[in-house]
C-alpha atoms as a PDB file:
ATOM      1  CA  ILE A   1     102.472 103.556  72.110  1.00  0.00           C
ATOM      2  CA  PRO A   2     103.975 106.468  70.797  1.00  0.00           C
ATOM      3  CA  TYR A   3     105.725 109.226  73.188  1.00  0.00           C
ATOM      4  CA  PRO A   4     103.822 111.865  71.494  1.00  0.00           C
ATOM      5  CA  TYR A   5     100.947 110.240  72.848  1.00  0.00           C
ATOM      6  CA  ILE A   6     101.726 110.032  76.305  1.00  0.00           C
ATOM      7  CA  GLN A   7     102.701 113.928  76.020  1.00  0.00           C
ATOM      8  CA  LEU A   8      99.401 114.776  74.485  1.00  0.00           C
ATOM      9  CA  LEU A   9      97.576 112.766  77.613  1.00  0.00           C
ATOM     10  CA  ASN A  10      99.813 114.406  80.072  1.00  0.00           C
ATOM     11  CA  PHE A  11      98.963 117.696  78.219  1.00  0.00           C
ATOM     12  CA  ILE A  12      94.996 116.982  78.429  1.00  0.00           C
ATOM     13  CA  LEU A  13      95.394 115.700  82.068  1.00  0.00           C
ATOM     14  CA  VAL A  14      96.848 119.179  82.935  1.00  0.00           C
ATOM     15  CA  VAL A  15      94.134 121.233  80.868  1.00  0.00           C
ATOM     16  CA  ALA A  16      91.105 119.201  82.533  1.00  0.00           C
ATOM     17  CA  MET A  17      92.794 119.869  85.964  1.00  0.00           C
ATOM     18  CA  PHE A  18      92.106 123.509  85.689  1.00  0.00           C
ATOM     19  CA  LEU A  19      89.161 123.493  83.211  1.00  0.00           C
ATOM     20  CA  VAL A  20      86.785 121.124  84.773  1.00  0.00           C
ATOM     21  CA  PRO A  21      86.314 123.187  87.821  1.00  0.00           C
ATOM     22  CA  CYS A  22      85.300 126.443  85.612  1.00  0.00           C
ATOM     23  CA  THR A  23      82.831 124.089  83.961  1.00  0.00           C
ATOM     24  CA  VAL A  24      81.003 122.555  86.968  1.00  0.00           C
ATOM     25  CA  VAL A  25      80.800 125.921  89.078  1.00  0.00           C
ATOM     26  CA  THR A  26      77.809 125.639  91.276  1.00  0.00           C
ATOM     27  CA  GLU A  27      76.819 126.881  94.441  1.00  0.00           C
ATOM     28  CA  ARG A  28      77.995 123.792  96.277  1.00  0.00           C
ATOM     29  CA  ASP A  29      81.821 123.475  96.396  1.00  0.00           C
ATOM     30  CA  ILE A  30      81.922 119.721  97.650  1.00  0.00           C
ATOM     31  CA  ILE A  31      80.222 118.748  94.141  1.00  0.00           C
ATOM     32  CA  VAL A  32      83.074 120.601  92.246  1.00  0.00           C
ATOM     33  CA  PHE A  33      85.824 119.474  93.983  1.00  0.00           C
ATOM     34  CA  SER A  34      84.878 115.805  93.718  1.00  0.00           C
ATOM     35  CA  VAL A  35      83.901 115.805  90.087  1.00  0.00           C
ATOM     36  CA  THR A  36      87.423 117.227  89.444  1.00  0.00           C
ATOM     37  CA  VAL A  37      89.276 114.860  91.820  1.00  0.00           C
ATOM     38  CA  ILE A  38      87.196 111.738  90.097  1.00  0.00           C
ATOM     39  CA  LEU A  39      88.014 113.232  86.595  1.00  0.00           C
ATOM     40  CA  THR A  40      91.627 113.763  87.571  1.00  0.00           C
ATOM     41  CA  SER A  41      92.428 110.385  88.897  1.00  0.00           C
ATOM     42  CA  VAL A  42      90.592 108.823  86.062  1.00  0.00           C
ATOM     43  CA  LEU A  43      92.825 110.709  83.414  1.00  0.00           C
ATOM     44  CA  GLY A  44      95.889 110.126  85.570  1.00  0.00           C
ATOM     45  CA  GLY A  45      95.159 106.298  85.786  1.00  0.00           C
ATOM     46  CA  ILE A  46      94.990 106.209  81.872  1.00  0.00           C
ATOM     47  CA  ALA A  47      98.457 108.366  81.535  1.00  0.00           C
ATOM     48  CA  GLU A  48      99.992 105.796  84.079  1.00  0.00           C
ATOM     49  CA  VAL A  49      98.726 102.744  82.133  1.00  0.00           C
ATOM     50  CA  GLY A  50      99.878 104.558  78.898  1.00  0.00           C
ATOM     51  CA  GLY A  51     103.447 104.796  80.390  1.00  0.00           C
ATOM     52  CA  ASP A  52     103.375 101.038  81.834  1.00  0.00           C
ATOM     53  CA  ILE A  53     102.636  99.681  78.345  1.00  0.00           C
ATOM     54  CA  THR A  54     105.261 101.621  76.490  1.00  0.00           C
ATOM     55  CA  ASP A  55     107.857  99.353  77.317  1.00  0.00           C
ATOM     56  CA  PRO A  56     106.745  95.744  77.951  1.00  0.00           C
ATOM     57  CA  PHE A  57     109.910  94.136  78.045  1.00  0.00           C
ATOM     58  CA  GLY A  58     111.535  95.623  81.145  1.00  0.00           C
ATOM     59  CA  ASP A  59     112.091  94.476  84.880  1.00  0.00           C
ATOM     60  CA  SER A  60     109.019  95.851  86.546  1.00  0.00           C
ATOM     61  CA  PRO A  61     106.027  93.597  88.030  1.00  0.00           C
ATOM     62  CA  ASN A  62     103.768  94.527  84.883  1.00  0.00           C
ATOM     63  CA  ASP A  63     106.307  93.359  82.540  1.00  0.00           C
ATOM     64  CA  PHE A  64     106.298  90.062  80.514  1.00  0.00           C
ATOM     65  CA  PRO A  65     108.524  87.397  82.100  1.00  0.00           C
ATOM     66  CA  LEU A  66     110.914  86.715  79.095  1.00  0.00           C
ATOM     67  CA  ASN A  67     113.276  84.707  80.928  1.00  0.00           C
ATOM     68  CA  GLU A  68     110.700  82.539  82.503  1.00  0.00           C
ATOM     69  CA  MET A  69     108.979  81.895  79.160  1.00  0.00           C
ATOM     70  CA  GLY A  70     112.395  81.418  77.238  1.00  0.00           C
ATOM     71  CA  PHE A  71     113.469  78.719  79.860  1.00  0.00           C
ATOM     72  CA  GLU A  72     109.985  77.089  79.516  1.00  0.00           C
ATOM     73  CA  VAL A  73     110.168  76.956  75.686  1.00  0.00           C
ATOM     74  CA  LEU A  74     113.584  75.586  76.033  1.00  0.00           C
ATOM     75  CA  GLY A  75     112.562  72.916  78.312  1.00  0.00           C
ATOM     76  CA  TYR A  76     109.704  71.860  75.851  1.00  0.00           C
ATOM     77  CA  VAL A  77     112.351  71.818  73.166  1.00  0.00           C
ATOM     78  CA  GLY A  78     114.748  69.890  75.055  1.00  0.00           C
ATOM     79  CA  ASN A  79     112.357  67.522  76.097  1.00  0.00           C
ATOM     80  CA  PHE A  80     111.097  66.689  72.401  1.00  0.00           C
ATOM     81  CA  TYR A  81     114.463  66.598  71.274  1.00  0.00           C
ATOM     82  CA  PHE A  82     115.412  63.444  74.081  1.00  0.00           C
ATOM     83  CA  ILE A  83     112.035  61.983  72.832  1.00  0.00           C
ATOM     84  CA  LEU A  84     113.035  62.138  69.093  1.00  0.00           C
ATOM     85  CA  LEU A  85     116.783  61.255  70.206  1.00  0.00           C
ATOM     86  CA  PHE A  86     115.255  58.046  71.893  1.00  0.00           C
ATOM     87  CA  MET A  87     113.000  57.121  68.889  1.00  0.00           C
ATOM     88  CA  CYS A  88     115.831  57.150  66.709  1.00  0.00           C
ATOM     89  CA  THR A  89     117.912  55.176  68.973  1.00  0.00           C
ATOM     90  CA  VAL A  90     115.205  52.419  69.280  1.00  0.00           C
ATOM     91  CA  ALA A  91     114.624  52.535  65.389  1.00  0.00           C
ATOM     92  CA  LEU A  92     118.291  51.985  64.541  1.00  0.00           C
ATOM     93  CA  ALA A  93     118.677  49.526  67.189  1.00  0.00           C
ATOM     94  CA  ALA A  94     115.615  47.573  65.805  1.00  0.00           C
ATOM     95  CA  SER A  95     117.467  47.571  62.396  1.00  0.00           C
ATOM     96  CA  TYR A  96     120.299  45.493  63.573  1.00  0.00           C
ATOM     97  CA  LEU A  97     118.186  42.841  64.905  1.00  0.00           C
ATOM     98  CA  PRO A  98     117.972  39.699  62.890  1.00  0.00           C
ATOM     99  CA  GLU A  99     114.952  39.271  60.975  1.00  0.00           C
ATOM    100  CA  SER A 100     112.951  36.340  62.084  1.00  0.00           C
ATOM    101  CA  THR A 101     111.580  33.823  59.190  1.00  0.00           C
END
């Protein structure tokens, strides 16, 4: 996600914090307060998710475990290599066996 997108999202969050109470003015202050808190929390959550997914290849708990994934792939490749080596050895040894007639 591009950095200007996150900047724009943060700007919208700040504007919403100040404009939502003005648009929801009623006689009951608790409604204005709760609507403002809910909308600000939702936009803040979206901003945090946007910040987390901008760089998914770090060391944070939410990032991809690249080291573990690499070692897992390496294990599969190593197992395949040894199986292939074993099959070639068996085929080579079978070629030296005398033919039975």
